[in-house]
Amino acid sequence: MAKSNGVKDRFSYSTSQLLNFTRDSYLERTGRPFYGLVFLLPFIVFYEVGTILINTDVLRHAQIRVVAFVWLQNFIEYVGFSSKIAWAAPPFVVVVILLSLQVVSRKRWYCVPADLGWMAAESIILAVPLIVLGLFLITSSQPIEQQDRAGAATMRSVVYCQSQMVVRPGEQGDFQVGEDEQINSVVHSNILAGIVTGIGAGIYEELVFRLILICVLMIFFYDLLKLSHNQSIVLSVIIAAALFSAHHHMAFFSGQQADAFDLTEFIFRTIAGVYFAVVFAVRGFGITAGTHAFYNIIAVFIQAYLNGG
């Protein structure tokens, strides 16, 4: 009996929520993989449609930052599918993984529509601490006279999008005085591109660095090395968070441009990685990806404000 319980425990750690709540309660329902899929489906559609409709150089440049999306495309193409299928496949990967986890978890499939609104509100609330931390790093790491510029740079870096997404006052390049409408159009399209890219980063970075990587690390430490459950969780979270932070500064195999290494940014992203891992362990994949996406959206608007946009 003890052995079967051990197998059951190991089996449960491979699902998308590591803590259990009272059955059919809000916390238990919304942590299910099926709920995560229903909640994130509009975000997935918005990102995919946005990358097609917003056909601008800004968006194509910003898409470089969603490295996790590129990794999925490259992997799908590597295993033998055509480049066209690889280009369209990542959203289906998310759907297949979440449906598979729902089947494996043996949890109920029903969904309460009202819960989706509460999940969005919860994701926004959970995004606030990271926003506060980012702003705190601005004020604590730079002299007062440099905080405006540092604020823009810090929010640019933590939103995981390219710095060129907002036109700054005095840096309009070829625009001439009197072309306010054209400048405003560019700024608005850049902000929309940032929102689209931020949503994509929220979904696909959480898929790779939390849902997939933490589960793989848990299998390695807990099942193969036979470490305790707590030790496995701590090691998995720290390693996943460090790799999550490092991938913004290293090209790895994506062939994309990486940010120059900055210790403050690396520390912030590592802390963010740990934070997202905790949210993932407590609330499941849907809320975690939603928190990441809403954080990116808020940060885009803060960046625009700090840049005078």
Protein backbone atom coordinates (compact mmCIF):
# COMPACT_ATOMS: atom_id res chain seq x y z
CA MET A 1 0.00 0.00 0.00
CA ALA A 2 2.82 2.41 0.85
CA LYS A 3 4.40 1.74 -2.50
CA SER A 4 1.19 2.44 -4.41
CA ASN A 5 0.75 5.71 -2.51
CA GLY A 6 4.28 6.69 -3.46
CA VAL A 7 3.55 5.99 -7.11
CA LYS A 8 0.34 8.00 -6.86
CA ASP A 9 2.21 10.93 -5.27
CA ARG A 10 4.86 10.92 -7.99
CA PHE A 11 2.11 10.74 -10.60
CA SER A 12 0.32 13.76 -9.13
CA TYR A 13 3.47 15.89 -9.24
CA SER A 14 3.52 15.64 -13.02
CA THR A 15 0.23 17.52 -13.38
CA SER A 16 -0.04 21.27 -13.77
CA GLN A 17 -0.83 22.07 -10.11
CA LEU A 18 1.37 20.86 -7.28
CA LEU A 19 -0.95 21.70 -4.38
CA ASN A 20 -4.41 20.26 -3.75
CA PHE A 21 -7.49 22.20 -2.61
CA THR A 22 -11.01 21.19 -1.62
CA ARG A 23 -12.67 19.46 -4.54
CA ASP A 24 -14.83 21.70 -6.73
CA SER A 25 -13.81 24.84 -4.83
CA TYR A 26 -12.77 27.90 -6.85
CA LEU A 27 -9.08 27.28 -6.14
CA GLU A 28 -9.35 23.64 -7.19
CA ARG A 29 -11.48 24.26 -10.28
CA THR A 30 -9.38 27.08 -11.70
CA GLY A 31 -6.14 25.15 -11.21
CA ARG A 32 -7.26 22.38 -13.57
CA PRO A 33 -5.51 22.13 -16.95
CA PHE A 34 -8.90 22.33 -18.69
CA TYR A 35 -9.64 25.64 -16.98
CA GLY A 36 -6.20 26.87 -18.01
CA LEU A 37 -6.97 26.00 -21.62
CA VAL A 38 -10.38 27.72 -21.62
CA PHE A 39 -8.95 30.80 -19.87
CA LEU A 40 -5.92 31.11 -22.17
CA LEU A 41 -7.65 30.29 -25.46
CA PRO A 42 -8.64 33.95 -26.14
CA PHE A 43 -5.05 35.02 -25.39
CA ILE A 44 -3.68 32.40 -27.78
CA VAL A 45 -6.07 33.48 -30.54
CA PHE A 46 -5.30 37.17 -29.91
CA TYR A 47 -1.56 36.53 -30.16
CA GLU A 48 -1.83 34.45 -33.33
CA VAL A 49 -4.22 36.86 -35.06
CA GLY A 50 -2.20 39.84 -33.86
CA THR A 51 1.03 38.55 -35.35
CA ILE A 52 -0.75 38.25 -38.69
CA LEU A 53 -2.76 41.48 -38.76
CA ILE A 54 -0.16 43.81 -37.24
CA ASN A 55 2.20 43.27 -40.13
CA THR A 56 4.78 45.90 -39.20
CA ASP A 57 8.54 45.94 -38.83
CA VAL A 58 8.02 46.79 -35.17
CA LEU A 59 6.03 43.64 -34.51
CA ARG A 60 8.43 41.43 -36.45
CA HIS A 61 11.27 42.95 -34.45
CA ALA A 62 9.39 42.51 -31.18
CA GLN A 63 8.60 38.87 -31.96
CA ILE A 64 12.30 38.11 -31.59
CA ARG A 65 11.80 38.40 -27.84
CA VAL A 66 9.39 35.44 -27.67
CA VAL A 67 12.27 33.04 -27.89
CA ALA A 68 10.24 30.23 -26.33
CA PHE A 69 7.85 30.41 -29.30
CA VAL A 70 10.82 30.13 -31.68
CA TRP A 71 12.14 27.14 -29.73
CA LEU A 72 8.84 25.31 -30.16
CA GLN A 73 8.85 26.05 -33.88
CA ASN A 74 12.44 24.84 -34.24
CA PHE A 75 11.76 21.66 -32.27
CA ILE A 76 8.67 20.82 -34.31
CA GLU A 77 10.61 21.37 -37.52
CA TYR A 78 13.55 19.33 -36.13
CA VAL A 79 11.39 16.24 -35.53
CA GLY A 80 10.42 16.20 -39.19
CA PHE A 81 7.46 18.50 -39.83
CA SER A 82 7.52 21.09 -42.60
CA SER A 83 8.35 24.72 -41.85
CA LYS A 84 4.73 25.73 -42.57
CA ILE A 85 3.40 23.25 -40.02
CA ALA A 86 6.09 24.29 -37.53
CA TRP A 87 5.07 27.93 -37.93
CA ALA A 88 1.42 27.19 -37.07
CA ALA A 89 1.92 24.35 -34.56
CA PRO A 90 2.91 26.04 -31.22
CA PRO A 91 -0.68 26.97 -30.22
CA PHE A 92 -1.76 23.40 -30.92
CA VAL A 93 1.12 22.20 -28.70
CA VAL A 94 -0.34 24.24 -25.84
CA VAL A 95 -3.79 22.78 -26.44
CA VAL A 96 -2.54 19.18 -26.69
CA ILE A 97 -0.40 19.44 -23.55
CA LEU A 98 -3.18 20.95 -21.44
CA LEU A 99 -5.75 18.43 -22.68
CA SER A 100 -3.32 15.58 -21.97
CA LEU A 101 -2.69 16.88 -18.45
CA GLN A 102 -6.43 17.13 -17.89
CA VAL A 103 -6.88 13.49 -18.91
CA VAL A 104 -3.94 12.39 -16.74
CA SER A 105 -5.17 14.38 -13.73
CA ARG A 106 -8.58 12.63 -13.90
CA LYS A 107 -10.22 15.85 -12.75
CA ARG A 108 -13.66 17.01 -13.80
CA TRP A 109 -14.13 18.75 -17.15
CA TYR A 110 -16.91 21.23 -16.45
CA CYS A 111 -16.27 24.99 -16.41
CA VAL A 112 -18.12 27.79 -14.57
CA PRO A 113 -18.08 30.82 -16.94
CA ALA A 114 -18.06 33.31 -14.04
CA ASP A 115 -14.76 31.84 -12.85
CA LEU A 116 -12.98 33.15 -15.96
CA GLY A 117 -13.57 36.75 -14.95
CA TRP A 118 -12.28 36.07 -11.46
CA MET A 119 -9.22 34.34 -12.97
CA ALA A 120 -8.46 37.48 -15.00
CA ALA A 121 -8.82 39.67 -11.90
CA GLU A 122 -6.63 37.28 -9.90
CA SER A 123 -3.96 37.33 -12.62
CA ILE A 124 -3.89 41.13 -12.61
CA ILE A 125 -3.59 41.23 -8.82
CA LEU A 126 -0.79 38.66 -8.87
CA ALA A 127 1.07 40.74 -11.49
CA VAL A 128 1.17 43.81 -9.22
CA PRO A 129 3.99 42.61 -6.88
CA LEU A 130 6.36 42.21 -9.83
CA ILE A 131 5.48 45.67 -11.12
CA VAL A 132 6.17 47.10 -7.66
CA LEU A 133 9.46 45.20 -7.46
CA GLY A 134 10.54 46.52 -10.88
CA LEU A 135 9.75 50.11 -9.88
CA PHE A 136 11.53 49.60 -6.56
CA LEU A 137 14.66 48.47 -8.38
CA ILE A 138 14.49 51.66 -10.44
CA THR A 139 14.45 53.95 -7.42
CA SER A 140 16.94 51.96 -5.34
CA SER A 141 19.61 51.29 -7.97
CA GLN A 142 19.90 54.69 -9.68
CA PRO A 143 20.50 58.30 -8.58
CA ILE A 144 17.38 60.49 -8.63
CA GLU A 145 18.50 62.44 -11.70
CA GLN A 146 18.88 59.17 -13.63
CA GLN A 147 15.67 57.49 -12.50
CA ASP A 148 13.50 58.60 -15.44
CA ARG A 149 15.88 57.07 -17.96
CA ALA A 150 16.56 54.08 -15.72
CA GLY A 151 12.81 53.58 -15.30
CA ALA A 152 12.26 53.35 -19.01
CA ALA A 153 15.22 51.00 -19.42
CA THR A 154 14.20 48.77 -16.52
CA MET A 155 10.57 48.45 -17.59
CA ARG A 156 11.76 47.84 -21.14
CA SER A 157 13.96 44.99 -20.02
CA VAL A 158 11.49 43.31 -17.69
CA VAL A 159 8.64 43.37 -20.20
CA TYR A 160 10.67 40.92 -22.31
CA CYS A 161 10.09 42.99 -25.46
CA GLN A 162 12.33 45.10 -27.63
CA SER A 163 13.23 48.61 -26.52
CA GLN A 164 12.22 50.17 -29.83
CA MET A 165 8.50 49.55 -29.31
CA VAL A 166 7.80 53.11 -28.09
CA VAL A 167 8.88 56.28 -29.88
CA ARG A 168 10.51 58.57 -27.36
CA PRO A 169 10.18 62.39 -27.36
CA GLY A 170 13.09 63.88 -29.27
CA GLU A 171 13.93 60.52 -30.83
CA GLN A 172 11.43 60.38 -33.66
CA GLY A 173 14.12 59.93 -36.27
CA ASP A 174 12.81 60.88 -39.70
CA PHE A 175 9.60 62.43 -38.38
CA GLN A 176 9.43 66.19 -38.70
CA VAL A 177 7.69 68.78 -36.56
CA GLY A 178 4.00 68.91 -37.45
CA GLU A 179 3.69 65.19 -38.05
CA ASP A 180 2.00 64.50 -34.71
CA GLU A 181 -0.67 62.27 -36.18
CA GLN A 182 1.89 60.07 -37.86
CA ILE A 183 3.97 59.87 -34.68
CA ASN A 184 0.91 59.04 -32.58
CA SER A 185 -0.05 56.32 -35.06
CA VAL A 186 3.39 54.76 -34.77
CA VAL A 187 3.30 54.96 -30.96
CA HIS A 188 -0.14 53.34 -30.79
CA SER A 189 0.84 50.56 -33.20
CA ASN A 190 4.01 49.97 -31.20
CA ILE A 191 2.06 49.69 -27.96
CA LEU A 192 -0.35 47.24 -29.57
CA ALA A 193 2.62 45.26 -30.88
CA GLY A 194 4.02 45.22 -27.35
CA ILE A 195 0.73 43.90 -25.97
CA VAL A 196 0.58 41.15 -28.60
CA THR A 197 4.17 40.13 -27.96
CA GLY A 198 3.75 40.35 -24.18
CA ILE A 199 0.79 37.98 -24.33
CA GLY A 200 2.80 35.54 -26.46
CA ALA A 201 5.70 35.69 -24.03
CA GLY A 202 3.37 35.07 -21.10
CA ILE A 203 1.96 31.91 -22.66
CA TYR A 204 4.99 30.33 -24.30
CA GLU A 205 7.64 31.23 -21.71
CA GLU A 206 5.44 29.77 -19.00
CA LEU A 207 4.86 26.69 -21.13
CA VAL A 208 8.60 26.10 -21.59
CA PHE A 209 10.05 27.28 -18.28
CA ARG A 210 7.32 26.30 -15.85
CA LEU A 211 5.00 23.65 -17.25
CA ILE A 212 7.61 21.67 -19.20
CA LEU A 213 10.95 22.46 -17.56
CA ILE A 214 9.85 22.20 -13.93
CA CYS A 215 8.04 18.92 -14.61
CA VAL A 216 11.14 17.53 -16.37
CA LEU A 217 13.39 18.68 -13.51
CA MET A 218 11.01 17.15 -10.96
CA ILE A 219 11.19 13.83 -12.79
CA PHE A 220 14.99 14.06 -12.85
CA PHE A 221 15.48 14.97 -9.17
CA TYR A 222 12.55 13.11 -7.63
CA ASP A 223 12.17 9.99 -9.75
CA LEU A 224 15.73 9.43 -11.02
CA LEU A 225 17.94 10.85 -8.26
CA LYS A 226 15.42 9.90 -5.54
CA LEU A 227 15.72 13.23 -3.72
CA SER A 228 12.96 14.25 -1.35
CA HIS A 229 9.93 16.04 -2.71
CA ASN A 230 10.86 19.35 -1.05
CA GLN A 231 14.46 19.17 -2.26
CA SER A 232 13.28 18.38 -5.77
CA ILE A 233 10.89 21.33 -5.81
CA VAL A 234 13.49 23.80 -4.53
CA LEU A 235 16.15 22.68 -7.02
CA SER A 236 13.68 22.59 -9.90
CA VAL A 237 12.34 26.08 -9.15
CA ILE A 238 15.79 27.66 -8.75
CA ILE A 239 17.25 26.06 -11.88
CA ALA A 240 14.18 26.88 -13.97
CA ALA A 241 14.20 30.48 -12.72
CA ALA A 242 17.91 30.91 -13.46
CA LEU A 243 17.51 29.50 -16.97
CA PHE A 244 14.43 31.67 -17.49
CA SER A 245 16.50 34.73 -16.62
CA ALA A 246 19.58 33.61 -18.56
CA HIS A 247 17.68 32.97 -21.79
CA HIS A 248 17.05 36.72 -22.11
CA HIS A 249 20.82 37.33 -22.12
CA MET A 250 21.98 34.32 -24.15
CA ALA A 251 20.95 33.40 -27.70
CA PHE A 252 21.15 29.64 -26.97
CA PHE A 253 19.92 27.92 -30.13
CA SER A 254 17.31 30.42 -31.23
CA GLY A 255 19.68 32.46 -33.38
CA GLN A 256 17.98 35.59 -32.04
CA GLN A 257 19.49 38.72 -30.58
CA ALA A 258 19.99 38.61 -26.81
CA ASP A 259 20.11 41.43 -24.26
CA ALA A 260 23.48 42.55 -22.94
CA PHE A 261 24.04 41.08 -19.48
CA ASP A 262 23.02 43.33 -16.63
CA LEU A 263 23.17 42.05 -13.05
CA THR A 264 20.09 43.96 -11.87
CA GLU A 265 18.02 42.70 -14.78
CA PHE A 266 19.29 39.14 -14.28
CA ILE A 267 18.41 39.23 -10.57
CA PHE A 268 14.98 40.69 -11.29
CA ARG A 269 14.19 38.06 -13.89
CA THR A 270 15.41 35.28 -11.60
CA ILE A 271 13.15 36.56 -8.83
CA ALA A 272 10.33 36.76 -11.36
CA GLY A 273 11.04 33.17 -12.38
CA VAL A 274 10.80 32.00 -8.76
CA TYR A 275 7.62 34.03 -8.30
CA PHE A 276 5.99 32.52 -11.38
CA ALA A 277 7.06 29.06 -10.21
CA VAL A 278 5.35 29.60 -6.86
CA VAL A 279 2.20 30.80 -8.62
CA PHE A 280 2.42 27.75 -10.88
CA ALA A 281 2.75 25.38 -7.93
CA VAL A 282 -0.20 26.92 -6.08
CA ARG A 283 -2.54 28.02 -8.88
CA GLY A 284 -1.66 25.96 -11.96
CA PHE A 285 -0.63 26.89 -15.49
CA GLY A 286 -3.62 29.03 -16.51
CA ILE A 287 -3.28 31.61 -13.74
CA THR A 288 0.52 31.63 -14.10
CA ALA A 289 0.46 32.36 -17.82
CA GLY A 290 -2.31 34.92 -17.26
CA THR A 291 -0.26 36.64 -14.55
CA HIS A 292 2.79 36.77 -16.84
CA ALA A 293 0.72 38.11 -19.75
CA PHE A 294 -1.02 40.80 -17.68
CA TYR A 295 2.32 41.78 -16.14
CA ASN A 296 3.73 42.31 -19.63
CA ILE A 297 0.67 44.32 -20.68
CA ILE A 298 0.89 46.59 -17.62
CA ALA A 299 4.61 47.02 -18.13
CA VAL A 300 4.06 48.07 -21.77
CA PHE A 301 1.81 50.92 -20.63
CA ILE A 302 4.21 51.92 -17.85
CA GLN A 303 7.03 51.93 -20.36
CA ALA A 304 5.00 54.13 -22.68
CA TYR A 305 4.26 56.51 -19.80
CA LEU A 306 7.89 56.70 -18.69
CA ASN A 307 8.93 57.34 -22.28
CA GLY A 308 6.39 60.13 -22.62
CA GLY A 309 4.28 58.05 -25.03
